[in-house]
N, C-alpha and C. Protein backbone atom coordinates (compact mmCIF):
# COMPACT_ATOMS: atom_id res chain seq x y z
N MET A 1 -13.13 -2.85 -14.59
CA MET A 1 -12.37 -2.61 -13.38
C MET A 1 -10.89 -2.54 -13.75
N LEU A 2 -10.19 -1.59 -13.21
CA LEU A 2 -8.76 -1.44 -13.44
C LEU A 2 -8.01 -2.17 -12.34
N ALA A 3 -7.07 -2.99 -12.75
CA ALA A 3 -6.27 -3.71 -11.77
C ALA A 3 -4.80 -3.43 -12.04
N ILE A 4 -4.07 -3.11 -11.02
CA ILE A 4 -2.64 -2.89 -11.12
C ILE A 4 -1.97 -4.06 -10.42
N SER A 5 -1.13 -4.77 -11.14
CA SER A 5 -0.46 -5.93 -10.56
C SER A 5 1.02 -5.64 -10.36
N LEU A 6 1.53 -6.04 -9.24
CA LEU A 6 2.95 -5.93 -8.95
C LEU A 6 3.49 -7.35 -8.80
N PHE A 7 4.49 -7.66 -9.57
CA PHE A 7 5.07 -8.99 -9.52
C PHE A 7 6.49 -8.90 -8.99
N PHE A 8 6.84 -9.77 -8.07
CA PHE A 8 8.19 -9.82 -7.51
C PHE A 8 8.72 -11.23 -7.68
N VAL A 9 9.97 -11.33 -7.93
CA VAL A 9 10.62 -12.62 -7.96
C VAL A 9 10.93 -12.99 -6.52
N GLN A 10 10.59 -14.19 -6.12
CA GLN A 10 10.72 -14.58 -4.73
C GLN A 10 12.09 -14.30 -4.12
N PRO A 11 13.19 -14.63 -4.78
CA PRO A 11 14.49 -14.34 -4.13
C PRO A 11 14.68 -12.88 -3.77
N SER A 12 14.10 -11.96 -4.52
CA SER A 12 14.22 -10.54 -4.19
C SER A 12 13.52 -10.22 -2.88
N ILE A 13 12.39 -10.82 -2.66
CA ILE A 13 11.63 -10.58 -1.43
C ILE A 13 12.38 -11.14 -0.22
N VAL A 14 12.97 -12.29 -0.38
CA VAL A 14 13.64 -12.96 0.73
C VAL A 14 14.78 -12.11 1.30
N ILE A 15 15.46 -11.33 0.47
CA ILE A 15 16.62 -10.57 0.95
C ILE A 15 16.27 -9.17 1.45
N LEU A 16 15.01 -8.76 1.35
CA LEU A 16 14.63 -7.44 1.83
C LEU A 16 14.72 -7.38 3.36
N PRO A 17 15.26 -6.30 3.89
CA PRO A 17 15.36 -6.17 5.35
C PRO A 17 14.04 -5.65 5.95
N ILE A 18 13.13 -6.53 6.24
CA ILE A 18 11.82 -6.14 6.78
C ILE A 18 11.85 -6.33 8.29
N ARG A 19 11.68 -5.22 9.01
CA ARG A 19 11.71 -5.31 10.47
C ARG A 19 10.33 -5.64 11.03
N THR A 20 10.34 -6.25 12.18
CA THR A 20 9.10 -6.56 12.88
C THR A 20 8.69 -5.33 13.68
N ILE A 21 7.40 -5.01 13.62
CA ILE A 21 6.88 -3.85 14.36
C ILE A 21 6.60 -4.28 15.80
N ASN A 22 7.13 -3.53 16.73
CA ASN A 22 6.89 -3.80 18.14
C ASN A 22 5.75 -2.88 18.60
N PHE A 23 4.54 -3.43 18.63
CA PHE A 23 3.38 -2.62 18.98
C PHE A 23 3.36 -2.22 20.45
N ALA A 24 4.19 -2.84 21.26
CA ALA A 24 4.30 -2.45 22.66
C ALA A 24 5.13 -1.18 22.82
N ASP A 25 5.94 -0.86 21.82
CA ASP A 25 6.78 0.34 21.83
C ASP A 25 5.98 1.49 21.21
N PRO A 26 5.66 2.53 21.99
CA PRO A 26 4.82 3.62 21.47
C PRO A 26 5.38 4.30 20.22
N SER A 27 6.70 4.43 20.11
CA SER A 27 7.26 5.08 18.92
C SER A 27 7.13 4.19 17.69
N ASP A 28 7.30 2.88 17.86
CA ASP A 28 7.11 1.95 16.74
C ASP A 28 5.66 1.95 16.28
N LYS A 29 4.75 1.92 17.24
CA LYS A 29 3.33 1.93 16.91
C LYS A 29 2.94 3.23 16.21
N ALA A 30 3.48 4.35 16.66
CA ALA A 30 3.19 5.65 16.05
C ALA A 30 3.70 5.70 14.61
N ARG A 31 4.91 5.16 14.37
CA ARG A 31 5.45 5.12 12.99
C ARG A 31 4.56 4.26 12.10
N HIS A 32 4.14 3.11 12.61
CA HIS A 32 3.26 2.23 11.85
C HIS A 32 1.94 2.92 11.53
N ASP A 33 1.32 3.52 12.54
CA ASP A 33 0.04 4.19 12.34
C ASP A 33 0.15 5.33 11.33
N ARG A 34 1.26 6.07 11.38
CA ARG A 34 1.48 7.17 10.43
C ARG A 34 1.63 6.63 9.01
N MET A 35 2.36 5.53 8.84
CA MET A 35 2.53 4.93 7.52
C MET A 35 1.20 4.43 6.97
N VAL A 36 0.41 3.80 7.82
CA VAL A 36 -0.91 3.32 7.39
C VAL A 36 -1.77 4.50 6.95
N SER A 37 -1.73 5.59 7.70
CA SER A 37 -2.49 6.78 7.36
C SER A 37 -2.05 7.36 6.01
N LEU A 38 -0.74 7.44 5.79
CA LEU A 38 -0.23 7.98 4.52
C LEU A 38 -0.61 7.09 3.33
N VAL A 39 -0.52 5.79 3.50
CA VAL A 39 -0.89 4.88 2.42
C VAL A 39 -2.38 4.99 2.12
N THR A 40 -3.20 5.09 3.15
CA THR A 40 -4.65 5.25 2.96
C THR A 40 -4.95 6.53 2.20
N GLN A 41 -4.29 7.63 2.57
CA GLN A 41 -4.49 8.90 1.87
C GLN A 41 -4.05 8.80 0.41
N MET A 42 -2.91 8.15 0.17
CA MET A 42 -2.40 7.99 -1.19
C MET A 42 -3.38 7.19 -2.05
N LEU A 43 -3.87 6.07 -1.53
CA LEU A 43 -4.81 5.25 -2.29
C LEU A 43 -6.11 6.00 -2.56
N GLN A 44 -6.58 6.77 -1.59
CA GLN A 44 -7.80 7.54 -1.78
C GLN A 44 -7.58 8.62 -2.84
N SER A 45 -6.43 9.27 -2.82
CA SER A 45 -6.12 10.31 -3.80
C SER A 45 -6.06 9.74 -5.21
N ILE A 46 -5.43 8.56 -5.35
CA ILE A 46 -5.36 7.91 -6.67
C ILE A 46 -6.75 7.55 -7.14
N SER A 47 -7.56 7.01 -6.26
CA SER A 47 -8.93 6.64 -6.59
C SER A 47 -9.73 7.86 -7.04
N ASP A 48 -9.64 8.95 -6.28
CA ASP A 48 -10.36 10.17 -6.63
C ASP A 48 -9.92 10.71 -7.98
N LEU A 49 -8.62 10.70 -8.23
CA LEU A 49 -8.08 11.21 -9.49
C LEU A 49 -8.55 10.37 -10.68
N MET A 50 -8.51 9.06 -10.52
CA MET A 50 -8.94 8.18 -11.62
C MET A 50 -10.42 8.34 -11.91
N ILE A 51 -11.22 8.47 -10.88
CA ILE A 51 -12.66 8.65 -11.07
C ILE A 51 -12.93 10.00 -11.75
N ARG A 52 -12.22 11.05 -11.32
CA ARG A 52 -12.38 12.37 -11.95
C ARG A 52 -11.99 12.36 -13.42
N ASN A 53 -11.03 11.48 -13.77
CA ASN A 53 -10.55 11.43 -15.15
C ASN A 53 -11.33 10.45 -16.02
N GLY A 54 -12.47 10.02 -15.56
CA GLY A 54 -13.37 9.26 -16.40
C GLY A 54 -13.46 7.78 -16.20
N PHE A 55 -12.76 7.22 -15.23
CA PHE A 55 -12.93 5.81 -14.97
C PHE A 55 -14.28 5.60 -14.31
N ARG A 56 -15.01 4.60 -14.76
CA ARG A 56 -16.37 4.38 -14.27
C ARG A 56 -16.41 3.70 -12.91
N GLU A 57 -15.44 2.85 -12.66
CA GLU A 57 -15.44 2.11 -11.41
C GLU A 57 -14.27 2.55 -10.56
N GLU A 58 -14.40 2.38 -9.28
CA GLU A 58 -13.30 2.69 -8.38
C GLU A 58 -12.18 1.69 -8.62
N PRO A 59 -10.96 2.17 -8.73
CA PRO A 59 -9.86 1.25 -9.03
C PRO A 59 -9.54 0.34 -7.86
N THR A 60 -9.00 -0.81 -8.18
CA THR A 60 -8.53 -1.72 -7.15
C THR A 60 -7.06 -2.00 -7.40
N MET A 61 -6.33 -2.29 -6.37
CA MET A 61 -4.93 -2.63 -6.52
C MET A 61 -4.74 -4.05 -6.05
N ILE A 62 -4.12 -4.84 -6.89
CA ILE A 62 -3.87 -6.23 -6.56
C ILE A 62 -2.37 -6.40 -6.36
N LEU A 63 -1.99 -6.95 -5.24
CA LEU A 63 -0.59 -7.21 -4.97
C LEU A 63 -0.40 -8.71 -4.94
N ARG A 64 0.40 -9.20 -5.87
CA ARG A 64 0.65 -10.65 -5.95
C ARG A 64 2.09 -10.91 -5.55
N LEU A 65 2.26 -11.79 -4.60
CA LEU A 65 3.61 -12.18 -4.18
C LEU A 65 3.85 -13.63 -4.53
């Protein structure tokens, strides 16, 4: 199994400007849904490409914070 790990130093994460999604706001919800759709497509494309190039198992991505 192929695993991709991303490591972040905690202080870097703390200073990132991460906004809260307001799901009651239709435009905020639409932006969130679009981003989720794009990430899903990206992960599926990477998976398909890796499998076509000879990887035996579907890749997994591990995010460690």
